[in-house]
PDB file of N, CA and C in Angstrom:
ATOM      1  N   MET A   1      46.792  24.596 160.496  1.00  0.00           N
ATOM      2  CA  MET A   1      46.603  24.823 159.065  1.00  0.00           C
ATOM      3  C   MET A   1      45.580  25.956 158.854  1.00  0.00           C
ATOM      4  N   ALA A   2      44.467  25.869 159.612  1.00  0.00           N
ATOM      5  CA  ALA A   2      43.413  26.905 159.432  1.00  0.00           C
ATOM      6  C   ALA A   2      43.931  28.289 159.799  1.00  0.00           C
ATOM      7  N   ALA A   3      44.750  28.396 160.824  1.00  0.00           N
ATOM      8  CA  ALA A   3      45.299  29.711 161.206  1.00  0.00           C
ATOM      9  C   ALA A   3      46.187  30.268 160.110  1.00  0.00           C
ATOM     10  N   THR A   4      46.969  29.411 159.412  1.00  0.00           N
ATOM     11  CA  THR A   4      47.827  29.842 158.372  1.00  0.00           C
ATOM     12  C   THR A   4      47.010  30.344 157.194  1.00  0.00           C
ATOM     13  N   VAL A   5      45.970  29.650 156.828  1.00  0.00           N
ATOM     14  CA  VAL A   5      45.099  30.058 155.751  1.00  0.00           C
ATOM     15  C   VAL A   5      44.449  31.392 156.036  1.00  0.00           C
ATOM     16  N   GLU A   6      43.969  31.542 157.258  1.00  0.00           N
ATOM     17  CA  GLU A   6      43.328  32.793 157.675  1.00  0.00           C
ATOM     18  C   GLU A   6      44.339  33.940 157.647  1.00  0.00           C
ATOM     19  N   MET A   7      45.528  33.694 158.111  1.00  0.00           N
ATOM     20  CA  MET A   7      46.582  34.728 158.142  1.00  0.00           C
ATOM     21  C   MET A   7      46.941  35.130 156.702  1.00  0.00           C
ATOM     22  N   ALA A   8      47.103  34.119 155.845  1.00  0.00           N
ATOM     23  CA  ALA A   8      47.459  34.428 154.471  1.00  0.00           C
ATOM     24  C   ALA A   8      46.388  35.342 153.821  1.00  0.00           C
ATOM     25  N   ALA A   9      45.155  35.012 154.034  1.00  0.00           N
ATOM     26  CA  ALA A   9      44.083  35.805 153.454  1.00  0.00           C
ATOM     27  C   ALA A   9      44.141  37.270 153.917  1.00  0.00           C
ATOM     28  N   SER A  10      44.630  37.498 155.100  1.00  0.00           N
ATOM     29  CA  SER A  10      44.695  38.843 155.672  1.00  0.00           C
ATOM     30  C   SER A  10      45.950  39.675 155.317  1.00  0.00           C
ATOM     31  N   VAL A  11      47.021  38.976 154.878  1.00  0.00           N
ATOM     32  CA  VAL A  11      48.259  39.722 154.635  1.00  0.00           C
ATOM     33  C   VAL A  11      48.783  39.674 153.183  1.00  0.00           C
ATOM     34  N   LEU A  12      48.187  38.904 152.355  1.00  0.00           N
ATOM     35  CA  LEU A  12      48.618  38.893 150.940  1.00  0.00           C
ATOM     36  C   LEU A  12      48.295  40.242 150.304  1.00  0.00           C
ATOM     37  N   PRO A  13      49.145  40.700 149.372  1.00  0.00           N
ATOM     38  CA  PRO A  13      48.929  41.990 148.753  1.00  0.00           C
ATOM     39  C   PRO A  13      47.591  42.108 148.072  1.00  0.00           C
ATOM     40  N   SER A  14      47.042  43.286 148.083  1.00  0.00           N
ATOM     41  CA  SER A  14      45.765  43.564 147.410  1.00  0.00           C
ATOM     42  C   SER A  14      45.954  44.864 146.613  1.00  0.00           C
ATOM     43  N   PRO A  15      45.582  44.808 145.349  1.00  0.00           N
ATOM     44  CA  PRO A  15      45.072  43.712 144.594  1.00  0.00           C
ATOM     45  C   PRO A  15      46.164  42.630 144.396  1.00  0.00           C
ATOM     46  N   ALA A  16      45.740  41.390 144.274  1.00  0.00           N
ATOM     47  CA  ALA A  16      46.666  40.313 144.098  1.00  0.00           C
ATOM     48  C   ALA A  16      47.449  40.399 142.813  1.00  0.00           C
ATOM     49  N   ARG A  17      46.728  40.692 141.737  1.00  0.00           N
ATOM     50  CA  ARG A  17      47.350  40.721 140.392  1.00  0.00           C
ATOM     51  C   ARG A  17      47.543  42.177 140.008  1.00  0.00           C
ATOM     52  N   THR A  18      48.763  42.497 139.665  1.00  0.00           N
ATOM     53  CA  THR A  18      49.114  43.822 139.117  1.00  0.00           C
ATOM     54  C   THR A  18      50.121  43.687 138.011  1.00  0.00           C
ATOM     55  N   ASP A  19      50.635  44.723 137.467  1.00  0.00           N
ATOM     56  CA  ASP A  19      51.645  44.640 136.425  1.00  0.00           C
ATOM     57  C   ASP A  19      52.904  43.984 136.919  1.00  0.00           C
ATOM     58  N   SER A  20      53.148  44.026 138.258  1.00  0.00           N
ATOM     59  CA  SER A  20      54.340  43.425 138.790  1.00  0.00           C
ATOM     60  C   SER A  20      54.129  42.153 139.610  1.00  0.00           C
ATOM     61  N   ARG A  21      52.886  41.684 139.642  1.00  0.00           N
ATOM     62  CA  ARG A  21      52.575  40.431 140.367  1.00  0.00           C
ATOM     63  C   ARG A  21      51.620  39.579 139.545  1.00  0.00           C
ATOM     64  N   TYR A  22      51.870  38.284 139.566  1.00  0.00           N
ATOM     65  CA  TYR A  22      50.948  37.312 138.942  1.00  0.00           C
ATOM     66  C   TYR A  22      49.741  37.050 139.800  1.00  0.00           C
ATOM     67  N   GLY A  23      49.802  37.414 141.070  1.00  0.00           N
ATOM     68  CA  GLY A  23      48.723  37.106 142.006  1.00  0.00           C
ATOM     69  C   GLY A  23      48.768  35.683 142.449  1.00  0.00           C
ATOM     70  N   ILE A  24      50.023  35.134 142.526  1.00  0.00           N
ATOM     71  CA  ILE A  24      50.235  33.748 142.905  1.00  0.00           C
ATOM     72  C   ILE A  24      51.221  33.655 144.089  1.00  0.00           C
ATOM     73  N   GLY A  25      50.904  32.772 145.012  1.00  0.00           N
ATOM     74  CA  GLY A  25      51.820  32.596 146.128  1.00  0.00           C
ATOM     75  C   GLY A  25      51.624  31.186 146.711  1.00  0.00           C
ATOM     76  N   PHE A  26      52.175  30.989 147.868  1.00  0.00           N
ATOM     77  CA  PHE A  26      52.027  29.736 148.622  1.00  0.00           C
ATOM     78  C   PHE A  26      52.196  30.002 150.125  1.00  0.00           C
ATOM     79  N   ALA A  27      51.757  29.078 150.911  1.00  0.00           N
ATOM     80  CA  ALA A  27      51.881  29.195 152.348  1.00  0.00           C
ATOM     81  C   ALA A  27      52.379  27.903 152.926  1.00  0.00           C
ATOM     82  N   ILE A  28      53.062  28.001 154.041  1.00  0.00           N
ATOM     83  CA  ILE A  28      53.596  26.839 154.754  1.00  0.00           C
ATOM     84  C   ILE A  28      53.120  26.928 156.185  1.00  0.00           C
ATOM     85  N   ALA A  29      52.518  25.881 156.645  1.00  0.00           N
ATOM     86  CA  ALA A  29      52.138  25.731 158.072  1.00  0.00           C
ATOM     87  C   ALA A  29      53.079  24.719 158.695  1.00  0.00           C
ATOM     88  N   HIS A  30      53.779  25.109 159.727  1.00  0.00           N
ATOM     89  CA  HIS A  30      54.767  24.195 160.312  1.00  0.00           C
ATOM     90  C   HIS A  30      54.577  24.152 161.841  1.00  0.00           C
ATOM     91  N   ASP A  31      54.270  22.974 162.317  1.00  0.00           N
ATOM     92  CA  ASP A  31      54.180  22.733 163.742  1.00  0.00           C
ATOM     93  C   ASP A  31      55.555  22.281 164.203  1.00  0.00           C
ATOM     94  N   ALA A  32      56.394  23.256 164.518  1.00  0.00           N
ATOM     95  CA  ALA A  32      57.795  22.997 164.881  1.00  0.00           C
ATOM     96  C   ALA A  32      57.931  22.662 166.353  1.00  0.00           C
ATOM     97  N   ALA A  33      59.130  22.318 166.789  1.00  0.00           N
ATOM     98  CA  ALA A  33      59.369  21.941 168.187  1.00  0.00           C
ATOM     99  C   ALA A  33      59.163  23.094 169.136  1.00  0.00           C
ATOM    100  N   ASP A  34      59.378  24.313 168.690  1.00  0.00           N
ATOM    101  CA  ASP A  34      59.263  25.491 169.622  1.00  0.00           C
ATOM    102  C   ASP A  34      58.115  26.401 169.370  1.00  0.00           C
ATOM    103  N   TYR A  35      57.631  26.467 168.130  1.00  0.00           N
ATOM    104  CA  TYR A  35      56.496  27.330 167.796  1.00  0.00           C
ATOM    105  C   TYR A  35      55.660  26.698 166.681  1.00  0.00           C
ATOM    106  N   CYS A  36      54.508  27.272 166.486  1.00  0.00           N
ATOM    107  CA  CYS A  36      53.732  27.007 165.271  1.00  0.00           C
ATOM    108  C   CYS A  36      54.119  28.183 164.298  1.00  0.00           C
ATOM    109  N   PHE A  37      54.528  27.848 163.109  1.00  0.00           N
ATOM    110  CA  PHE A  37      54.919  28.876 162.145  1.00  0.00           C
ATOM    111  C   PHE A  37      53.964  28.887 160.990  1.00  0.00           C
ATOM    112  N   ALA A  38      53.758  30.100 160.451  1.00  0.00           N
ATOM    113  CA  ALA A  38      53.045  30.325 159.201  1.00  0.00           C
ATOM    114  C   ALA A  38      53.942  31.204 158.335  1.00  0.00           C
ATOM    115  N   LEU A  39      54.303  30.671 157.198  1.00  0.00           N
ATOM    116  CA  LEU A  39      55.064  31.429 156.230  1.00  0.00           C
ATOM    117  C   LEU A  39      54.146  31.677 155.061  1.00  0.00           C
ATOM    118  N   VAL A  40      53.963  32.973 154.751  1.00  0.00           N
ATOM    119  CA  VAL A  40      53.048  33.360 153.660  1.00  0.00           C
ATOM    120  C   VAL A  40      53.911  34.010 152.605  1.00  0.00           C
ATOM    121  N   ASP A  41      53.992  33.413 151.418  1.00  0.00           N
ATOM    122  CA  ASP A  41      54.880  33.835 150.379  1.00  0.00           C
ATOM    123  C   ASP A  41      54.117  34.168 149.117  1.00  0.00           C
ATOM    124  N   TRP A  42      54.583  35.108 148.326  1.00  0.00           N
ATOM    125  CA  TRP A  42      54.005  35.410 147.033  1.00  0.00           C
ATOM    126  C   TRP A  42      55.095  35.840 146.047  1.00  0.00           C
ATOM    127  N   TRP A  43      54.824  35.591 144.785  1.00  0.00           N
ATOM    128  CA  TRP A  43      55.748  35.950 143.739  1.00  0.00           C
ATOM    129  C   TRP A  43      55.519  37.400 143.373  1.00  0.00           C
ATOM    130  N   HIS A  44      56.625  38.164 143.369  1.00  0.00           N
ATOM    131  CA  HIS A  44      56.584  39.551 142.982  1.00  0.00           C
ATOM    132  C   HIS A  44      57.512  39.707 141.798  1.00  0.00           C
ATOM    133  N   GLY A  45      57.026  40.415 140.778  1.00  0.00           N
ATOM    134  CA  GLY A  45      57.838  40.464 139.553  1.00  0.00           C
ATOM    135  C   GLY A  45      57.923  39.044 138.990  1.00  0.00           C
ATOM    136  N   GLU A  46      58.909  38.808 138.250  1.00  0.00           N
ATOM    137  CA  GLU A  46      59.089  37.476 137.697  1.00  0.00           C
ATOM    138  C   GLU A  46      59.895  36.534 138.637  1.00  0.00           C
ATOM    139  N   HIS A  47      60.772  37.046 139.450  1.00  0.00           N
ATOM    140  CA  HIS A  47      61.695  36.229 140.125  1.00  0.00           C
ATOM    141  C   HIS A  47      61.945  36.499 141.618  1.00  0.00           C
ATOM    142  N   GLU A  48      61.087  37.210 142.266  1.00  0.00           N
ATOM    143  CA  GLU A  48      61.241  37.499 143.673  1.00  0.00           C
ATOM    144  C   GLU A  48      60.160  36.807 144.491  1.00  0.00           C
ATOM    145  N   ILE A  49      60.570  36.217 145.610  1.00  0.00           N
ATOM    146  CA  ILE A  49      59.596  35.681 146.602  1.00  0.00           C
ATOM    147  C   ILE A  49      59.553  36.716 147.704  1.00  0.00           C
ATOM    148  N   HIS A  50      58.398  37.186 148.006  1.00  0.00           N
ATOM    149  CA  HIS A  50      58.190  38.076 149.173  1.00  0.00           C
ATOM    150  C   HIS A  50      57.527  37.198 150.268  1.00  0.00           C
ATOM    151  N   GLN A  51      57.845  37.483 151.506  1.00  0.00           N
ATOM    152  CA  GLN A  51      57.376  36.636 152.576  1.00  0.00           C
ATOM    153  C   GLN A  51      56.998  37.423 153.820  1.00  0.00           C
ATOM    154  N   ARG A  52      56.013  36.891 154.489  1.00  0.00           N
ATOM    155  CA  ARG A  52      55.653  37.366 155.865  1.00  0.00           C
ATOM    156  C   ARG A  52      55.724  36.089 156.710  1.00  0.00           C
ATOM    157  N   LEU A  53      56.415  36.205 157.846  1.00  0.00           N
ATOM    158  CA  LEU A  53      56.611  35.073 158.759  1.00  0.00           C
ATOM    159  C   LEU A  53      55.927  35.336 160.085  1.00  0.00           C
ATOM    160  N   PHE A  54      55.094  34.380 160.520  1.00  0.00           N
ATOM    161  CA  PHE A  54      54.362  34.486 161.753  1.00  0.00           C
ATOM    162  C   PHE A  54      54.626  33.290 162.628  1.00  0.00           C
ATOM    163  N   SER A  55      54.468  33.491 163.934  1.00  0.00           N
ATOM    164  CA  SER A  55      54.618  32.333 164.844  1.00  0.00           C
ATOM    165  C   SER A  55      53.592  32.481 165.956  1.00  0.00           C
ATOM    166  N   ALA A  56      53.366  31.327 166.651  1.00  0.00           N
ATOM    167  CA  ALA A  56      52.470  31.315 167.735  1.00  0.00           C
ATOM    168  C   ALA A  56      52.945  30.240 168.704  1.00  0.00           C
ATOM    169  N   PRO A  57      52.563  30.309 170.009  1.00  0.00           N
ATOM    170  CA  PRO A  57      52.916  29.252 170.880  1.00  0.00           C
ATOM    171  C   PRO A  57      52.286  27.897 170.440  1.00  0.00           C
ATOM    172  N   ARG A  58      52.980  26.822 170.682  1.00  0.00           N
ATOM    173  CA  ARG A  58      52.497  25.521 170.223  1.00  0.00           C
ATOM    174  C   ARG A  58      51.114  25.177 170.738  1.00  0.00           C
ATOM    175  N   GLU A  59      50.828  25.616 171.937  1.00  0.00           N
ATOM    176  CA  GLU A  59      49.517  25.299 172.512  1.00  0.00           C
ATOM    177  C   GLU A  59      48.376  26.263 172.025  1.00  0.00           C
ATOM    178  N   ARG A  60      48.730  27.317 171.253  1.00  0.00           N
ATOM    179  CA  ARG A  60      47.728  28.275 170.723  1.00  0.00           C
ATOM    180  C   ARG A  60      48.082  28.659 169.274  1.00  0.00           C
ATOM    181  N   PRO A  61      47.979  27.726 168.390  1.00  0.00           N
ATOM    182  CA  PRO A  61      48.356  28.036 167.017  1.00  0.00           C
ATOM    183  C   PRO A  61      47.551  29.111 166.337  1.00  0.00           C
ATOM    184  N   GLU A  62      46.373  29.372 166.838  1.00  0.00           N
ATOM    185  CA  GLU A  62      45.542  30.433 166.307  1.00  0.00           C
ATOM    186  C   GLU A  62      46.012  31.821 166.662  1.00  0.00           C
ATOM    187  N   ALA A  63      46.985  31.925 167.608  1.00  0.00           N
ATOM    188  CA  ALA A  63      47.511  33.214 168.069  1.00  0.00           C
ATOM    189  C   ALA A  63      48.700  33.737 167.267  1.00  0.00           C
ATOM    190  N   LEU A  64      48.673  33.527 165.975  1.00  0.00           N
ATOM    191  CA  LEU A  64      49.813  33.913 165.117  1.00  0.00           C
ATOM    192  C   LEU A  64      50.041  35.418 165.193  1.00  0.00           C
ATOM    193  N   ARG A  65      51.311  35.754 165.301  1.00  0.00           N
ATOM    194  CA  ARG A  65      51.773  37.149 165.290  1.00  0.00           C
ATOM    195  C   ARG A  65      53.043  37.223 164.454  1.00  0.00           C
ATOM    196  N   PRO A  66      53.412  38.428 163.986  1.00  0.00           N
ATOM    197  CA  PRO A  66      54.686  38.522 163.269  1.00  0.00           C
ATOM    198  C   PRO A  66      55.822  37.926 164.099  1.00  0.00           C
ATOM    199  N   HIS A  67      56.639  37.083 163.537  1.00  0.00           N
ATOM    200  CA  HIS A  67      57.744  36.434 164.261  1.00  0.00           C
ATOM    201  C   HIS A  67      58.730  37.498 164.637  1.00  0.00           C
ATOM    202  N   PRO A  68      59.206  37.492 165.930  1.00  0.00           N
ATOM    203  CA  PRO A  68      60.031  38.594 166.451  1.00  0.00           C
ATOM    204  C   PRO A  68      61.522  38.587 166.086  1.00  0.00           C
ATOM    205  N   SER A  69      61.964  37.715 165.192  1.00  0.00           N
ATOM    206  CA  SER A  69      63.377  37.699 164.846  1.00  0.00           C
ATOM    207  C   SER A  69      63.565  37.732 163.324  1.00  0.00           C
ATOM    208  N   GLU A  70      64.800  37.645 162.929  1.00  0.00           N
ATOM    209  CA  GLU A  70      65.152  37.790 161.535  1.00  0.00           C
ATOM    210  C   GLU A  70      65.004  36.437 160.738  1.00  0.00           C
ATOM    211  N   ALA A  71      64.446  35.429 161.350  1.00  0.00           N
ATOM    212  CA  ALA A  71      64.380  34.130 160.711  1.00  0.00           C
ATOM    213  C   ALA A  71      63.684  34.174 159.349  1.00  0.00           C
ATOM    214  N   ILE A  72      64.161  33.358 158.408  1.00  0.00           N
ATOM    215  CA  ILE A  72      63.454  33.257 157.140  1.00  0.00           C
ATOM    216  C   ILE A  72      62.833  31.880 156.923  1.00  0.00           C
ATOM    217  N   GLY A  73      63.198  30.924 157.757  1.00  0.00           N
ATOM    218  CA  GLY A  73      62.636  29.613 157.660  1.00  0.00           C
ATOM    219  C   GLY A  73      63.647  28.547 158.070  1.00  0.00           C
ATOM    220  N   CYS A  74      63.195  27.392 158.414  1.00  0.00           N
ATOM    221  CA  CYS A  74      64.090  26.318 158.827  1.00  0.00           C
ATOM    222  C   CYS A  74      64.341  25.405 157.638  1.00  0.00           C
ATOM    223  N   VAL A  75      65.284  24.518 157.791  1.00  0.00           N
ATOM    224  CA  VAL A  75      65.617  23.630 156.672  1.00  0.00           C
ATOM    225  C   VAL A  75      64.446  22.804 156.193  1.00  0.00           C
ATOM    226  N   TRP A  76      63.494  22.442 157.012  1.00  0.00           N
ATOM    227  CA  TRP A  76      62.345  21.724 156.600  1.00  0.00           C
ATOM    228  C   TRP A  76      61.407  22.588 155.775  1.00  0.00           C
ATOM    229  N   GLU A  77      61.175  23.788 156.207  1.00  0.00           N
ATOM    230  CA  GLU A  77      60.320  24.700 155.439  1.00  0.00           C
ATOM    231  C   GLU A  77      60.943  25.058 154.118  1.00  0.00           C
ATOM    232  N   MET A  78      62.288  25.181 154.135  1.00  0.00           N
ATOM    233  CA  MET A  78      62.965  25.534 152.896  1.00  0.00           C
ATOM    234  C   MET A  78      62.889  24.438 151.843  1.00  0.00           C
ATOM    235  N   ALA A  79      62.633  23.217 152.204  1.00  0.00           N
ATOM    236  CA  ALA A  79      62.386  22.129 151.241  1.00  0.00           C
ATOM    237  C   ALA A  79      61.184  22.464 150.410  1.00  0.00           C
ATOM    238  N   VAL A  80      60.138  22.982 151.090  1.00  0.00           N
ATOM    239  CA  VAL A  80      58.916  23.352 150.347  1.00  0.00           C
ATOM    240  C   VAL A  80      59.198  24.579 149.465  1.00  0.00           C
ATOM    241  N   THR A  81      59.896  25.580 150.022  1.00  0.00           N
ATOM    242  CA  THR A  81      60.233  26.759 149.266  1.00  0.00           C
ATOM    243  C   THR A  81      61.044  26.385 148.048  1.00  0.00           C
ATOM    244  N   ASP A  82      62.007  25.421 148.192  1.00  0.00           N
ATOM    245  CA  ASP A  82      62.816  24.989 147.079  1.00  0.00           C
ATOM    246  C   ASP A  82      61.919  24.341 146.001  1.00  0.00           C
ATOM    247  N   PHE A  83      60.982  23.532 146.412  1.00  0.00           N
ATOM    248  CA  PHE A  83      60.042  22.961 145.472  1.00  0.00           C
ATOM    249  C   PHE A  83      59.328  24.048 144.687  1.00  0.00           C
ATOM    250  N   GLU A  84      58.818  25.035 145.394  1.00  0.00           N
ATOM    251  CA  GLU A  84      58.086  26.142 144.719  1.00  0.00           C
ATOM    252  C   GLU A  84      58.989  26.867 143.784  1.00  0.00           C
ATOM    253  N   ARG A  85      60.241  27.123 144.167  1.00  0.00           N
ATOM    254  CA  ARG A  85      61.173  27.813 143.289  1.00  0.00           C
ATOM    255  C   ARG A  85      61.388  27.021 142.037  1.00  0.00           C
ATOM    256  N   ARG A  86      61.620  25.711 142.147  1.00  0.00           N
ATOM    257  CA  ARG A  86      61.869  24.897 140.969  1.00  0.00           C
ATOM    258  C   ARG A  86      60.625  24.819 140.056  1.00  0.00           C
ATOM    259  N   ALA A  87      59.458  24.742 140.680  1.00  0.00           N
ATOM    260  CA  ALA A  87      58.198  24.718 139.904  1.00  0.00           C
ATOM    261  C   ALA A  87      57.988  26.052 139.182  1.00  0.00           C
ATOM    262  N   TRP A  88      58.365  27.165 139.838  1.00  0.00           N
ATOM    263  CA  TRP A  88      58.241  28.478 139.204  1.00  0.00           C
ATOM    264  C   TRP A  88      59.159  28.596 138.013  1.00  0.00           C
ATOM    265  N   LEU A  89      60.366  28.141 138.215  1.00  0.00           N
ATOM    266  CA  LEU A  89      61.349  28.129 137.081  1.00  0.00           C
ATOM    267  C   LEU A  89      60.820  27.289 135.925  1.00  0.00           C
ATOM    268  N   ARG A  90      60.410  26.091 136.229  1.00  0.00           N
ATOM    269  CA  ARG A  90      59.954  25.130 135.191  1.00  0.00           C
ATOM    270  C   ARG A  90      58.747  25.590 134.431  1.00  0.00           C
ATOM    271  N   HIS A  91      57.748  26.135 135.189  1.00  0.00           N
ATOM    272  CA  HIS A  91      56.495  26.441 134.511  1.00  0.00           C
ATOM    273  C   HIS A  91      56.316  27.896 134.116  1.00  0.00           C
ATOM    274  N   VAL A  92      57.082  28.804 134.727  1.00  0.00           N
ATOM    275  CA  VAL A  92      56.900  30.240 134.438  1.00  0.00           C
ATOM    276  C   VAL A  92      58.157  30.859 133.760  1.00  0.00           C
ATOM    277  N   LEU A  93      59.254  30.840 134.420  1.00  0.00           N
ATOM    278  CA  LEU A  93      60.424  31.551 133.902  1.00  0.00           C
ATOM    279  C   LEU A  93      61.159  30.826 132.769  1.00  0.00           C
ATOM    280  N   ALA A  94      61.319  29.526 132.833  1.00  0.00           N
ATOM    281  CA  ALA A  94      62.143  28.796 131.857  1.00  0.00           C
ATOM    282  C   ALA A  94      61.278  27.918 130.957  1.00  0.00           C
ATOM    283  N   ASN A  95      59.993  28.119 130.909  1.00  0.00           N
ATOM    284  CA  ASN A  95      59.123  27.333 130.131  1.00  0.00           C
ATOM    285  C   ASN A  95      59.311  27.723 128.621  1.00  0.00           C
ATOM    286  N   PRO A  96      59.796  26.811 127.766  1.00  0.00           N
ATOM    287  CA  PRO A  96      60.065  27.187 126.380  1.00  0.00           C
ATOM    288  C   PRO A  96      58.801  27.638 125.591  1.00  0.00           C
ATOM    289  N   GLU A  97      57.616  27.304 126.142  1.00  0.00           N
ATOM    290  CA  GLU A  97      56.342  27.713 125.480  1.00  0.00           C
ATOM    291  C   GLU A  97      55.804  28.993 126.086  1.00  0.00           C
ATOM    292  N   GLY A  98      56.537  29.596 127.005  1.00  0.00           N
ATOM    293  CA  GLY A  98      56.086  30.800 127.637  1.00  0.00           C
ATOM    294  C   GLY A  98      55.511  30.539 129.057  1.00  0.00           C
ATOM    295  N   PRO A  99      55.299  31.550 129.849  1.00  0.00           N
ATOM    296  CA  PRO A  99      54.809  31.395 131.199  1.00  0.00           C
ATOM    297  C   PRO A  99      53.495  30.680 131.236  1.00  0.00           C
ATOM    298  N   ASP A 100      53.398  29.680 132.109  1.00  0.00           N
ATOM    299  CA  ASP A 100      52.179  28.885 132.316  1.00  0.00           C
ATOM    300  C   ASP A 100      51.795  28.909 133.798  1.00  0.00           C
ATOM    301  N   PRO A 101      51.247  30.001 134.301  1.00  0.00           N
ATOM    302  CA  PRO A 101      50.907  30.060 135.745  1.00  0.00           C
ATOM    303  C   PRO A 101      49.961  28.925 136.178  1.00  0.00           C
ATOM    304  N   ASP A 102      49.064  28.477 135.303  1.00  0.00           N
ATOM    305  CA  ASP A 102      48.161  27.398 135.697  1.00  0.00           C
ATOM    306  C   ASP A 102      48.934  26.124 135.952  1.00  0.00           C
ATOM    307  N   ALA A 103      49.955  25.817 135.162  1.00  0.00           N
ATOM    308  CA  ALA A 103      50.778  24.605 135.399  1.00  0.00           C
ATOM    309  C   ALA A 103      51.500  24.759 136.713  1.00  0.00           C
ATOM    310  N   TYR A 104      51.964  25.939 137.035  1.00  0.00           N
ATOM    311  CA  TYR A 104      52.618  26.162 138.331  1.00  0.00           C
ATOM    312  C   TYR A 104      51.644  25.879 139.453  1.00  0.00           C
ATOM    313  N   ILE A 105      50.443  26.398 139.338  1.00  0.00           N
ATOM    314  CA  ILE A 105      49.453  26.193 140.417  1.00  0.00           C
ATOM    315  C   ILE A 105      49.112  24.718 140.559  1.00  0.00           C
ATOM    316  N   ASP A 106      49.103  23.986 139.429  1.00  0.00           N
ATOM    317  CA  ASP A 106      48.761  22.557 139.473  1.00  0.00           C
ATOM    318  C   ASP A 106      49.898  21.700 140.039  1.00  0.00           C
ATOM    319  N   ALA A 107      51.105  22.253 140.158  1.00  0.00           N
ATOM    320  CA  ALA A 107      52.251  21.488 140.732  1.00  0.00           C
ATOM    321  C   ALA A 107      52.100  21.467 142.254  1.00  0.00           C
ATOM    322  N   HIS A 108      52.191  20.316 142.857  1.00  0.00           N
ATOM    323  CA  HIS A 108      51.977  20.211 144.304  1.00  0.00           C
ATOM    324  C   HIS A 108      53.172  19.482 144.960  1.00  0.00           C
ATOM    325  N   PHE A 109      53.593  19.946 146.074  1.00  0.00           N
ATOM    326  CA  PHE A 109      54.621  19.306 146.865  1.00  0.00           C
ATOM    327  C   PHE A 109      53.973  18.136 147.568  1.00  0.00           C
ATOM    328  N   THR A 110      54.507  16.981 147.350  1.00  0.00           N
ATOM    329  CA  THR A 110      53.923  15.765 147.981  1.00  0.00           C
ATOM    330  C   THR A 110      54.942  15.014 148.827  1.00  0.00           C
ATOM    331  N   GLY A 111      56.107  15.594 149.014  1.00  0.00           N
ATOM    332  CA  GLY A 111      57.156  14.917 149.801  1.00  0.00           C
ATOM    333  C   GLY A 111      56.861  14.935 151.302  1.00  0.00           C
ATOM    334  N   ARG A 112      57.681  14.287 151.996  1.00  0.00           N
ATOM    335  CA  ARG A 112      57.662  14.314 153.461  1.00  0.00           C
ATOM    336  C   ARG A 112      58.959  14.912 153.936  1.00  0.00           C
ATOM    337  N   VAL A 113      58.912  15.911 154.763  1.00  0.00           N
ATOM    338  CA  VAL A 113      60.164  16.527 155.283  1.00  0.00           C
ATOM    339  C   VAL A 113      60.138  16.519 156.798  1.00  0.00           C
TER     340      VAL A 113
END
């Protein structure tokens, strides 16, 4: 988890908030069967998720490097991405009262995948 947080801090766009970014994103730390993965995602524009994907050997999770293949995530990670997508729609894009980024940030994935 700590390696993912550290990686996110180093690769998220700067400045975080611009005319085309809310400055909001999410990260996924996944201790998978073959690698430790860190997925660092941020919302760009109103409806795009941009992502950087990193992996490390299971015995050295702090050694995260850009993942060497075209992978975008596994079915388990995508459950979290789907939650984030639905929360973004509910609180930002389809909110009848207008975009509420704070409500999006307050929404938390609590499931088990």
